[in-house]
């Protein structure tokens, strides 16, 4: 499966450095609201730097890991699901019960 990451902060280095240990996953690209941050992380780990929109529509990305700040986990995860991708989120997945219920819809 092709994997993309949204959020290129400190925690992304853990995911990027451990990604090779998962043989069925292939890390393809990273994205961030700051293209400078995405480009820097992409260069460090030899992956593609995309805008968030480009990552959401990328044909080679099946799963998107949401490493954004908790306040936007719901909004970003919803966009991932609406784009037809699988979503994996850092905890907490949402900040309110109604947001969690909305992701089930």
PDB file of N, CA and C in Angstrom:
ATOM      1  N   UNK A   1       0.834  -1.193   0.000  1.00  0.00           N
ATOM      2  CA  UNK A   1       0.000   0.000   0.000  1.00  0.00           C
ATOM      3  C   UNK A   1       0.869   1.243   0.000  1.00  0.00           C
ATOM      4  N   UNK A   2       0.464   2.226  -0.761  1.00  0.00           N
ATOM      5  CA  UNK A   2       1.149   3.505  -0.768  1.00  0.00           C
ATOM      6  C   UNK A   2       0.663   4.358   0.394  1.00  0.00           C
ATOM      7  N   UNK A   3       1.598   4.929   1.131  1.00  0.00           N
ATOM      8  CA  UNK A   3       1.274   5.700   2.326  1.00  0.00           C
ATOM      9  C   UNK A   3       1.748   7.139   2.161  1.00  0.00           C
ATOM     10  N   UNK A   4       0.901   8.059   2.592  1.00  0.00           N
ATOM     11  CA  UNK A   4       1.251   9.469   2.653  1.00  0.00           C
ATOM     12  C   UNK A   4       1.074   9.958   4.073  1.00  0.00           C
ATOM     13  N   UNK A   5       1.758  11.023   4.399  1.00  0.00           N
ATOM     14  CA  UNK A   5       1.667  11.628   5.728  1.00  0.00           C
ATOM     15  C   UNK A   5       1.262  13.082   5.577  1.00  0.00           C
ATOM     16  N   UNK A   6       0.269  13.496   6.363  1.00  0.00           N
ATOM     17  CA  UNK A   6      -0.064  14.918   6.470  1.00  0.00           C
ATOM     18  C   UNK A   6       0.391  15.368   7.855  1.00  0.00           C
ATOM     19  N   UNK A   7       1.289  16.327   7.875  1.00  0.00           N
ATOM     20  CA  UNK A   7       1.850  16.845   9.113  1.00  0.00           C
ATOM     21  C   UNK A   7       3.311  16.480   9.221  1.00  0.00           C
ATOM     22  N   UNK A   8       4.191  17.440   9.030  1.00  0.00           N
ATOM     23  CA  UNK A   8       5.633  17.175   8.987  1.00  0.00           C
ATOM     24  C   UNK A   8       6.362  17.704  10.216  1.00  0.00           C
ATOM     25  N   UNK A   9       5.683  17.686  11.353  1.00  0.00           N
ATOM     26  CA  UNK A   9       6.302  18.110  12.603  1.00  0.00           C
ATOM     27  C   UNK A   9       7.207  17.034  13.164  1.00  0.00           C
ATOM     28  N   UNK A  10       7.554  17.185  14.440  1.00  0.00           N
ATOM     29  CA  UNK A  10       8.528  16.291  15.082  1.00  0.00           C
ATOM     30  C   UNK A  10       8.132  14.823  15.034  1.00  0.00           C
ATOM     31  N   UNK A  11       6.857  14.492  15.265  1.00  0.00           N
ATOM     32  CA  UNK A  11       6.443  13.086  15.310  1.00  0.00           C
ATOM     33  C   UNK A  11       6.603  12.401  13.955  1.00  0.00           C
ATOM     34  N   UNK A  12       6.597  13.176  12.887  1.00  0.00           N
ATOM     35  CA  UNK A  12       6.713  12.565  11.558  1.00  0.00           C
ATOM     36  C   UNK A  12       8.042  11.843  11.385  1.00  0.00           C
ATOM     37  N   UNK A  13       9.081  12.294  12.060  1.00  0.00           N
ATOM     38  CA  UNK A  13      10.382  11.624  11.923  1.00  0.00           C
ATOM     39  C   UNK A  13      10.318  10.185  12.441  1.00  0.00           C
ATOM     40  N   UNK A  14       9.528   9.951  13.475  1.00  0.00           N
ATOM     41  CA  UNK A  14       9.379   8.593  13.992  1.00  0.00           C
ATOM     42  C   UNK A  14       8.724   7.703  12.947  1.00  0.00           C
ATOM     43  N   UNK A  15       7.643   8.174  12.356  1.00  0.00           N
ATOM     44  CA  UNK A  15       6.940   7.401  11.336  1.00  0.00           C
ATOM     45  C   UNK A  15       7.827   7.185  10.118  1.00  0.00           C
ATOM     46  N   UNK A  16       8.499   8.214   9.669  1.00  0.00           N
ATOM     47  CA  UNK A  16       9.333   8.105   8.480  1.00  0.00           C
ATOM     48  C   UNK A  16      10.535   7.192   8.688  1.00  0.00           C
ATOM     49  N   UNK A  17      11.136   7.251   9.851  1.00  0.00           N
ATOM     50  CA  UNK A  17      12.314   6.405  10.086  1.00  0.00           C
ATOM     51  C   UNK A  17      11.941   4.934  10.293  1.00  0.00           C
ATOM     52  N   UNK A  18      10.738   4.667  10.802  1.00  0.00           N
ATOM     53  CA  UNK A  18      10.311   3.282  11.035  1.00  0.00           C
ATOM     54  C   UNK A  18       9.558   2.667   9.858  1.00  0.00           C
ATOM     55  N   UNK A  19       9.140   3.466   8.908  1.00  0.00           N
ATOM     56  CA  UNK A  19       8.360   2.977   7.769  1.00  0.00           C
ATOM     57  C   UNK A  19       9.001   1.802   7.039  1.00  0.00           C
ATOM     58  N   UNK A  20      10.309   1.782   6.848  1.00  0.00           N
ATOM     59  CA  UNK A  20      10.916   0.640   6.139  1.00  0.00           C
ATOM     60  C   UNK A  20      10.723  -0.712   6.827  1.00  0.00           C
ATOM     61  N   UNK A  21      10.380  -0.719   8.097  1.00  0.00           N
ATOM     62  CA  UNK A  21      10.173  -1.969   8.825  1.00  0.00           C
ATOM     63  C   UNK A  21       8.873  -2.669   8.436  1.00  0.00           C
ATOM     64  N   UNK A  22       7.982  -1.958   7.767  1.00  0.00           N
ATOM     65  CA  UNK A  22       6.685  -2.505   7.386  1.00  0.00           C
ATOM     66  C   UNK A  22       6.702  -2.816   5.892  1.00  0.00           C
ATOM     67  N   UNK A  23       6.986  -4.066   5.568  1.00  0.00           N
ATOM     68  CA  UNK A  23       7.220  -4.481   4.193  1.00  0.00           C
ATOM     69  C   UNK A  23       6.066  -4.265   3.236  1.00  0.00           C
ATOM     70  N   UNK A  24       4.842  -4.331   3.700  1.00  0.00           N
ATOM     71  CA  UNK A  24       3.705  -4.179   2.795  1.00  0.00           C
ATOM     72  C   UNK A  24       3.308  -2.715   2.599  1.00  0.00           C
ATOM     73  N   UNK A  25       3.999  -1.825   3.282  1.00  0.00           N
ATOM     74  CA  UNK A  25       3.717  -0.396   3.149  1.00  0.00           C
ATOM     75  C   UNK A  25       4.888   0.292   2.459  1.00  0.00           C
ATOM     76  N   UNK A  26       4.544   1.227   1.585  1.00  0.00           N
ATOM     77  CA  UNK A  26       5.573   1.992   0.875  1.00  0.00           C
ATOM     78  C   UNK A  26       5.278   3.469   1.081  1.00  0.00           C
ATOM     79  N   UNK A  27       6.147   4.150   1.810  1.00  0.00           N
ATOM     80  CA  UNK A  27       5.954   5.569   2.059  1.00  0.00           C
ATOM     81  C   UNK A  27       6.230   6.335   0.775  1.00  0.00           C
ATOM     82  N   UNK A  28       5.229   7.067   0.326  1.00  0.00           N
ATOM     83  CA  UNK A  28       5.287   7.720  -0.981  1.00  0.00           C
ATOM     84  C   UNK A  28       5.540   9.216  -0.875  1.00  0.00           C
ATOM     85  N   UNK A  29       4.802   9.895   0.024  1.00  0.00           N
ATOM     86  CA  UNK A  29       4.849  11.355   0.033  1.00  0.00           C
ATOM     87  C   UNK A  29       4.466  11.907   1.400  1.00  0.00           C
ATOM     88  N   UNK A  30       4.872  13.155   1.618  1.00  0.00           N
ATOM     89  CA  UNK A  30       4.477  13.903   2.806  1.00  0.00           C
ATOM     90  C   UNK A  30       3.858  15.224   2.373  1.00  0.00           C
ATOM     91  N   UNK A  31       3.014  15.763   3.244  1.00  0.00           N
ATOM     92  CA  UNK A  31       2.385  17.054   2.987  1.00  0.00           C
ATOM     93  C   UNK A  31       2.261  17.806   4.297  1.00  0.00           C
ATOM     94  N   UNK A  32       2.166  19.111   4.197  1.00  0.00           N
ATOM     95  CA  UNK A  32       2.022  19.963   5.370  1.00  0.00           C
ATOM     96  C   UNK A  32       1.406  21.274   4.902  1.00  0.00           C
ATOM     97  N   UNK A  33       0.808  22.025   5.829  1.00  0.00           N
ATOM     98  CA  UNK A  33       0.296  23.339   5.423  1.00  0.00           C
ATOM     99  C   UNK A  33       1.446  24.259   5.028  1.00  0.00           C
ATOM    100  N   UNK A  34       2.638  23.942   5.505  1.00  0.00           N
ATOM    101  CA  UNK A  34       3.846  24.659   5.109  1.00  0.00           C
ATOM    102  C   UNK A  34       4.606  23.810   4.091  1.00  0.00           C
ATOM    103  N   UNK A  35       4.649  24.272   2.860  1.00  0.00           N
ATOM    104  CA  UNK A  35       5.391  23.522   1.841  1.00  0.00           C
ATOM    105  C   UNK A  35       6.880  23.459   2.166  1.00  0.00           C
ATOM    106  N   UNK A  36       7.402  24.471   2.865  1.00  0.00           N
ATOM    107  CA  UNK A  36       8.810  24.427   3.271  1.00  0.00           C
ATOM    108  C   UNK A  36       9.058  23.242   4.203  1.00  0.00           C
ATOM    109  N   UNK A  37       8.141  23.022   5.141  1.00  0.00           N
ATOM    110  CA  UNK A  37       8.271  21.890   6.063  1.00  0.00           C
ATOM    111  C   UNK A  37       8.151  20.571   5.307  1.00  0.00           C
ATOM    112  N   UNK A  38       7.217  20.485   4.373  1.00  0.00           N
ATOM    113  CA  UNK A  38       7.032  19.264   3.585  1.00  0.00           C
ATOM    114  C   UNK A  38       8.268  18.976   2.744  1.00  0.00           C
ATOM    115  N   UNK A  39       8.794  19.997   2.092  1.00  0.00           N
ATOM    116  CA  UNK A  39       9.990  19.806   1.256  1.00  0.00           C
ATOM    117  C   UNK A  39      11.196  19.366   2.091  1.00  0.00           C
ATOM    118  N   UNK A  40      11.362  19.961   3.255  1.00  0.00           N
ATOM    119  CA  UNK A  40      12.503  19.607   4.108  1.00  0.00           C
ATOM    120  C   UNK A  40      12.405  18.153   4.569  1.00  0.00           C
ATOM    121  N   UNK A  41      11.221  17.751   5.031  1.00  0.00           N
ATOM    122  CA  UNK A  41      11.048  16.370   5.510  1.00  0.00           C
ATOM    123  C   UNK A  41      11.172  15.390   4.342  1.00  0.00           C
ATOM    124  N   UNK A  42      10.626  15.754   3.186  1.00  0.00           N
ATOM    125  CA  UNK A  42      10.704  14.887   2.008  1.00  0.00           C
ATOM    126  C   UNK A  42      12.158  14.674   1.583  1.00  0.00           C
ATOM    127  N   UNK A  43      12.939  15.719   1.585  1.00  0.00           N
ATOM    128  CA  UNK A  43      14.350  15.610   1.208  1.00  0.00           C
ATOM    129  C   UNK A  43      15.115  14.748   2.204  1.00  0.00           C
ATOM    130  N   UNK A  44      14.765  14.876   3.472  1.00  0.00           N
ATOM    131  CA  UNK A  44      15.444  14.120   4.530  1.00  0.00           C
ATOM    132  C   UNK A  44      15.208  12.614   4.395  1.00  0.00           C
ATOM    133  N   UNK A  45      14.007  12.237   3.903  1.00  0.00           N
ATOM    134  CA  UNK A  45      13.646  10.811   3.839  1.00  0.00           C
ATOM    135  C   UNK A  45      13.435  10.300   2.416  1.00  0.00           C
ATOM    136  N   UNK A  46      13.814  11.102   1.438  1.00  0.00           N
ATOM    137  CA  UNK A  46      13.763  10.693   0.038  1.00  0.00           C
ATOM    138  C   UNK A  46      12.365  10.252  -0.405  1.00  0.00           C
ATOM    139  N   UNK A  47      11.372  11.083  -0.091  1.00  0.00           N
ATOM    140  CA  UNK A  47      10.004  10.872  -0.552  1.00  0.00           C
ATOM    141  C   UNK A  47       9.535  12.154  -1.233  1.00  0.00           C
ATOM    142  N   UNK A  48       8.367  12.118  -1.801  1.00  0.00           N
ATOM    143  CA  UNK A  48       7.809  13.259  -2.518  1.00  0.00           C
ATOM    144  C   UNK A  48       7.169  14.243  -1.542  1.00  0.00           C
ATOM    145  N   UNK A  49       7.305  15.534  -1.816  1.00  0.00           N
ATOM    146  CA  UNK A  49       6.607  16.581  -1.066  1.00  0.00           C
ATOM    147  C   UNK A  49       5.398  17.023  -1.883  1.00  0.00           C
ATOM    148  N   UNK A  50       4.208  16.865  -1.315  1.00  0.00           N
ATOM    149  CA  UNK A  50       2.964  17.260  -1.978  1.00  0.00           C
ATOM    150  C   UNK A  50       2.270  18.349  -1.179  1.00  0.00           C
ATOM    151  N   UNK A  51       1.394  19.073  -1.844  1.00  0.00           N
ATOM    152  CA  UNK A  51       0.451  19.893  -1.096  1.00  0.00           C
ATOM    153  C   UNK A  51      -0.555  18.929  -0.472  1.00  0.00           C
ATOM    154  N   UNK A  52      -1.302  19.389   0.498  1.00  0.00           N
ATOM    155  CA  UNK A  52      -2.319  18.528   1.106  1.00  0.00           C
ATOM    156  C   UNK A  52      -3.315  18.080   0.043  1.00  0.00           C
ATOM    157  N   UNK A  53      -3.748  19.000  -0.821  1.00  0.00           N
ATOM    158  CA  UNK A  53      -4.711  18.654  -1.883  1.00  0.00           C
ATOM    159  C   UNK A  53      -4.142  17.599  -2.822  1.00  0.00           C
ATOM    160  N   UNK A  54      -2.885  17.767  -3.219  1.00  0.00           N
ATOM    161  CA  UNK A  54      -2.267  16.795  -4.124  1.00  0.00           C
ATOM    162  C   UNK A  54      -2.153  15.421  -3.472  1.00  0.00           C
ATOM    163  N   UNK A  55      -1.840  15.386  -2.188  1.00  0.00           N
ATOM    164  CA  UNK A  55      -1.738  14.107  -1.493  1.00  0.00           C
ATOM    165  C   UNK A  55      -3.097  13.422  -1.416  1.00  0.00           C
ATOM    166  N   UNK A  56      -4.142  14.212  -1.164  1.00  0.00           N
ATOM    167  CA  UNK A  56      -5.492  13.642  -1.078  1.00  0.00           C
ATOM    168  C   UNK A  56      -5.957  13.030  -2.391  1.00  0.00           C
ATOM    169  N   UNK A  57      -5.441  13.508  -3.494  1.00  0.00           N
ATOM    170  CA  UNK A  57      -5.872  13.006  -4.806  1.00  0.00           C
ATOM    171  C   UNK A  57      -4.827  12.124  -5.485  1.00  0.00           C
ATOM    172  N   UNK A  58      -3.718  11.881  -4.826  1.00  0.00           N
ATOM    173  CA  UNK A  58      -2.633  11.095  -5.429  1.00  0.00           C
ATOM    174  C   UNK A  58      -3.067   9.657  -5.679  1.00  0.00           C
ATOM    175  N   UNK A  59      -2.869   9.192  -6.897  1.00  0.00           N
ATOM    176  CA  UNK A  59      -3.252   7.838  -7.268  1.00  0.00           C
ATOM    177  C   UNK A  59      -2.395   6.751  -6.650  1.00  0.00           C
ATOM    178  N   UNK A  60      -1.198   7.107  -6.205  1.00  0.00           N
ATOM    179  CA  UNK A  60      -0.306   6.107  -5.619  1.00  0.00           C
ATOM    180  C   UNK A  60      -0.369   6.071  -4.091  1.00  0.00           C
ATOM    181  N   UNK A  61      -1.335   6.801  -3.511  1.00  0.00           N
ATOM    182  CA  UNK A  61      -1.500   6.838  -2.054  1.00  0.00           C
ATOM    183  C   UNK A  61      -2.822   6.180  -1.685  1.00  0.00           C
ATOM    184  N   UNK A  62      -2.734   5.129  -0.876  1.00  0.00           N
ATOM    185  CA  UNK A  62      -3.916   4.392  -0.419  1.00  0.00           C
ATOM    186  C   UNK A  62      -4.303   4.756   1.009  1.00  0.00           C
ATOM    187  N   UNK A  63      -3.306   5.029   1.830  1.00  0.00           N
ATOM    188  CA  UNK A  63      -3.495   5.307   3.253  1.00  0.00           C
ATOM    189  C   UNK A  63      -2.815   6.628   3.571  1.00  0.00           C
ATOM    190  N   UNK A  64      -3.505   7.472   4.346  1.00  0.00           N
ATOM    191  CA  UNK A  64      -2.890   8.730   4.779  1.00  0.00           C
ATOM    192  C   UNK A  64      -2.839   8.742   6.299  1.00  0.00           C
ATOM    193  N   UNK A  65      -1.647   9.013   6.817  1.00  0.00           N
ATOM    194  CA  UNK A  65      -1.428   9.122   8.252  1.00  0.00           C
ATOM    195  C   UNK A  65      -1.587  10.588   8.636  1.00  0.00           C
ATOM    196  N   UNK A  66      -2.492  10.850   9.559  1.00  0.00           N
ATOM    197  CA  UNK A  66      -2.793  12.205  10.008  1.00  0.00           C
ATOM    198  C   UNK A  66      -1.951  12.523  11.238  1.00  0.00           C
ATOM    199  N   UNK A  67      -0.914  13.311  11.044  1.00  0.00           N
ATOM    200  CA  UNK A  67      -0.025  13.704  12.143  1.00  0.00           C
ATOM    201  C   UNK A  67      -0.151  15.187  12.456  1.00  0.00           C
ATOM    202  N   UNK A  68      -1.313  15.740  12.204  1.00  0.00           N
ATOM    203  CA  UNK A  68      -1.556  17.149  12.488  1.00  0.00           C
ATOM    204  C   UNK A  68      -1.820  17.353  13.977  1.00  0.00           C
ATOM    205  N   UNK A  69      -2.007  18.592  14.380  1.00  0.00           N
ATOM    206  CA  UNK A  69      -2.314  18.889  15.784  1.00  0.00           C
ATOM    207  C   UNK A  69      -3.728  18.416  16.105  1.00  0.00           C
ATOM    208  N   UNK A  70      -3.982  17.987  17.345  1.00  0.00           N
ATOM    209  CA  UNK A  70      -5.293  17.432  17.707  1.00  0.00           C
ATOM    210  C   UNK A  70      -6.488  18.308  17.332  1.00  0.00           C
ATOM    211  N   UNK A  71      -6.335  19.602  17.360  1.00  0.00           N
ATOM    212  CA  UNK A  71      -7.463  20.499  17.060  1.00  0.00           C
ATOM    213  C   UNK A  71      -7.993  20.328  15.641  1.00  0.00           C
ATOM    214  N   UNK A  72      -7.184  19.812  14.724  1.00  0.00           N
ATOM    215  CA  UNK A  72      -7.649  19.632  13.345  1.00  0.00           C
ATOM    216  C   UNK A  72      -7.725  18.167  12.927  1.00  0.00           C
ATOM    217  N   UNK A  73      -7.550  17.241  13.869  1.00  0.00           N
ATOM    218  CA  UNK A  73      -7.633  15.815  13.525  1.00  0.00           C
ATOM    219  C   UNK A  73      -8.950  15.473  12.840  1.00  0.00           C
ATOM    220  N   UNK A  74     -10.057  15.954  13.381  1.00  0.00           N
ATOM    221  CA  UNK A  74     -11.363  15.648  12.784  1.00  0.00           C
ATOM    222  C   UNK A  74     -11.439  16.156  11.355  1.00  0.00           C
ATOM    223  N   UNK A  75     -11.135  17.420  11.143  1.00  0.00           N
ATOM    224  CA  UNK A  75     -11.268  18.017   9.807  1.00  0.00           C
ATOM    225  C   UNK A  75     -10.365  17.319   8.792  1.00  0.00           C
ATOM    226  N   UNK A  76      -9.136  17.031   9.172  1.00  0.00           N
ATOM    227  CA  UNK A  76      -8.203  16.393   8.245  1.00  0.00           C
ATOM    228  C   UNK A  76      -8.620  14.947   7.977  1.00  0.00           C
ATOM    229  N   UNK A  77      -8.985  14.216   9.027  1.00  0.00           N
ATOM    230  CA  UNK A  77      -9.421  12.832   8.829  1.00  0.00           C
ATOM    231  C   UNK A  77     -10.662  12.774   7.957  1.00  0.00           C
ATOM    232  N   UNK A  78     -11.584  13.685   8.151  1.00  0.00           N
ATOM    233  CA  UNK A  78     -12.788  13.717   7.319  1.00  0.00           C
ATOM    234  C   UNK A  78     -12.408  13.930   5.852  1.00  0.00           C
ATOM    235  N   UNK A  79     -11.484  14.838   5.583  1.00  0.00           N
ATOM    236  CA  UNK A  79     -11.050  15.088   4.194  1.00  0.00           C
ATOM    237  C   UNK A  79     -10.397  13.850   3.599  1.00  0.00           C
ATOM    238  N   UNK A  80      -9.617  13.138   4.403  1.00  0.00           N
ATOM    239  CA  UNK A  80      -8.969  11.907   3.930  1.00  0.00           C
ATOM    240  C   UNK A  80     -10.035  10.896   3.522  1.00  0.00           C
ATOM    241  N   UNK A  81     -11.013  10.684   4.391  1.00  0.00           N
ATOM    242  CA  UNK A  81     -12.075   9.719   4.102  1.00  0.00           C
ATOM    243  C   UNK A  81     -12.913  10.143   2.903  1.00  0.00           C
ATOM    244  N   UNK A  82     -13.212  11.430   2.806  1.00  0.00           N
ATOM    245  CA  UNK A  82     -13.982  11.929   1.660  1.00  0.00           C
ATOM    246  C   UNK A  82     -13.214  11.761   0.355  1.00  0.00           C
ATOM    247  N   UNK A  83     -11.886  11.738   0.434  1.00  0.00           N
ATOM    248  CA  UNK A  83     -11.049  11.537  -0.758  1.00  0.00           C
ATOM    249  C   UNK A  83     -10.975  10.056  -1.143  1.00  0.00           C
ATOM    250  N   UNK A  84     -11.623   9.196  -0.346  1.00  0.00           N
ATOM    251  CA  UNK A  84     -11.633   7.769  -0.652  1.00  0.00           C
ATOM    252  C   UNK A  84     -10.390   7.027  -0.193  1.00  0.00           C
ATOM    253  N   UNK A  85      -9.644   7.631   0.721  1.00  0.00           N
ATOM    254  CA  UNK A  85      -8.425   7.011   1.238  1.00  0.00           C
ATOM    255  C   UNK A  85      -8.704   6.413   2.617  1.00  0.00           C
ATOM    256  N   UNK A  86      -7.867   5.484   3.026  1.00  0.00           N
ATOM    257  CA  UNK A  86      -7.887   4.991   4.394  1.00  0.00           C
ATOM    258  C   UNK A  86      -7.168   6.024   5.260  1.00  0.00           C
ATOM    259  N   UNK A  87      -7.619   6.182   6.502  1.00  0.00           N
ATOM    260  CA  UNK A  87      -7.026   7.168   7.403  1.00  0.00           C
ATOM    261  C   UNK A  87      -6.502   6.498   8.660  1.00  0.00           C
ATOM    262  N   UNK A  88      -5.344   6.930   9.081  1.00  0.00           N
ATOM    263  CA  UNK A  88      -4.776   6.546  10.366  1.00  0.00           C
ATOM    264  C   UNK A  88      -4.427   7.854  11.058  1.00  0.00           C
ATOM    265  N   UNK A  89      -4.851   8.009  12.296  1.00  0.00           N
ATOM    266  CA  UNK A  89      -4.637   9.276  12.986  1.00  0.00           C
ATOM    267  C   UNK A  89      -3.899   9.075  14.294  1.00  0.00           C
ATOM    268  N   UNK A  90      -3.040  10.008  14.595  1.00  0.00           N
ATOM    269  CA  UNK A  90      -2.460  10.076  15.931  1.00  0.00           C
ATOM    270  C   UNK A  90      -3.595  10.321  16.909  1.00  0.00           C
ATOM    271  N   UNK A  91      -3.413   9.958  18.154  1.00  0.00           N
ATOM    272  CA  UNK A  91      -4.457  10.180  19.144  1.00  0.00           C
ATOM    273  C   UNK A  91      -4.415  11.622  19.633  1.00  0.00           C
ATOM    274  N   UNK A  92      -5.510  12.146  20.023  1.00  0.00           N
ATOM    275  CA  UNK A  92      -6.857  11.600  19.910  1.00  0.00           C
ATOM    276  C   UNK A  92      -7.361  11.758  18.481  1.00  0.00           C
ATOM    277  N   UNK A  93      -8.188  10.829  18.049  1.00  0.00           N
ATOM    278  CA  UNK A  93      -8.698  10.925  16.677  1.00  0.00           C
ATOM    279  C   UNK A  93      -9.611  12.140  16.522  1.00  0.00           C
ATOM    280  N   UNK A  94     -10.367  12.469  17.568  1.00  0.00           N
ATOM    281  CA  UNK A  94     -11.224  13.658  17.592  1.00  0.00           C
ATOM    282  C   UNK A  94     -11.203  14.230  18.999  1.00  0.00           C
ATOM    283  N   UNK A  95     -11.725  15.439  19.147  1.00  0.00           N
ATOM    284  CA  UNK A  95     -11.769  16.077  20.455  1.00  0.00           C
ATOM    285  C   UNK A  95     -13.161  16.066  21.078  1.00  0.00           C
ATOM    286  N   UNK A  96     -14.168  15.650  20.300  1.00  0.00           N
ATOM    287  CA  UNK A  96     -15.544  15.625  20.810  1.00  0.00           C
ATOM    288  C   UNK A  96     -16.263  14.411  20.278  1.00  0.00           C
ATOM    289  N   UNK A  97     -17.147  13.867  21.092  1.00  0.00           N
ATOM    290  CA  UNK A  97     -17.886  12.660  20.728  1.00  0.00           C
ATOM    291  C   UNK A  97     -18.676  12.837  19.434  1.00  0.00           C
ATOM    292  N   UNK A  98     -19.293  13.998  19.240  1.00  0.00           N
ATOM    293  CA  UNK A  98     -20.076  14.215  18.025  1.00  0.00           C
ATOM    294  C   UNK A  98     -19.190  14.176  16.784  1.00  0.00           C
ATOM    295  N   UNK A  99     -17.923  14.596  16.900  1.00  0.00           N
ATOM    296  CA  UNK A  99     -16.998  14.507  15.763  1.00  0.00           C
ATOM    297  C   UNK A  99     -16.717  13.039  15.435  1.00  0.00           C
ATOM    298  N   UNK A 100     -16.526  12.218  16.440  1.00  0.00           N
ATOM    299  CA  UNK A 100     -16.292  10.794  16.230  1.00  0.00           C
ATOM    300  C   UNK A 100     -17.473  10.125  15.539  1.00  0.00           C
ATOM    301  N   UNK A 101     -18.666  10.468  15.982  1.00  0.00           N
ATOM    302  CA  UNK A 101     -19.875   9.923  15.359  1.00  0.00           C
ATOM    303  C   UNK A 101     -19.982  10.368  13.910  1.00  0.00           C
ATOM    304  N   UNK A 102     -19.603  11.612  13.626  1.00  0.00           N
ATOM    305  CA  UNK A 102     -19.681  12.137  12.257  1.00  0.00           C
ATOM    306  C   UNK A 102     -18.733  11.395  11.323  1.00  0.00           C
ATOM    307  N   UNK A 103     -17.607  10.927  11.835  1.00  0.00           N
ATOM    308  CA  UNK A 103     -16.663  10.186  10.983  1.00  0.00           C
ATOM    309  C   UNK A 103     -17.206   8.821  10.602  1.00  0.00           C
ATOM    310  N   UNK A 104     -18.157   8.323  11.342  1.00  0.00           N
ATOM    311  CA  UNK A 104     -18.768   7.015  11.037  1.00  0.00           C
ATOM    312  C   UNK A 104     -19.768   7.111   9.887  1.00  0.00           C
ATOM    313  N   UNK A 105     -20.215   8.310   9.612  1.00  0.00           N
ATOM    314  CA  UNK A 105     -21.265   8.493   8.581  1.00  0.00           C
ATOM    315  C   UNK A 105     -20.714   8.322   7.185  1.00  0.00           C
TER     316      UNK A 105
END
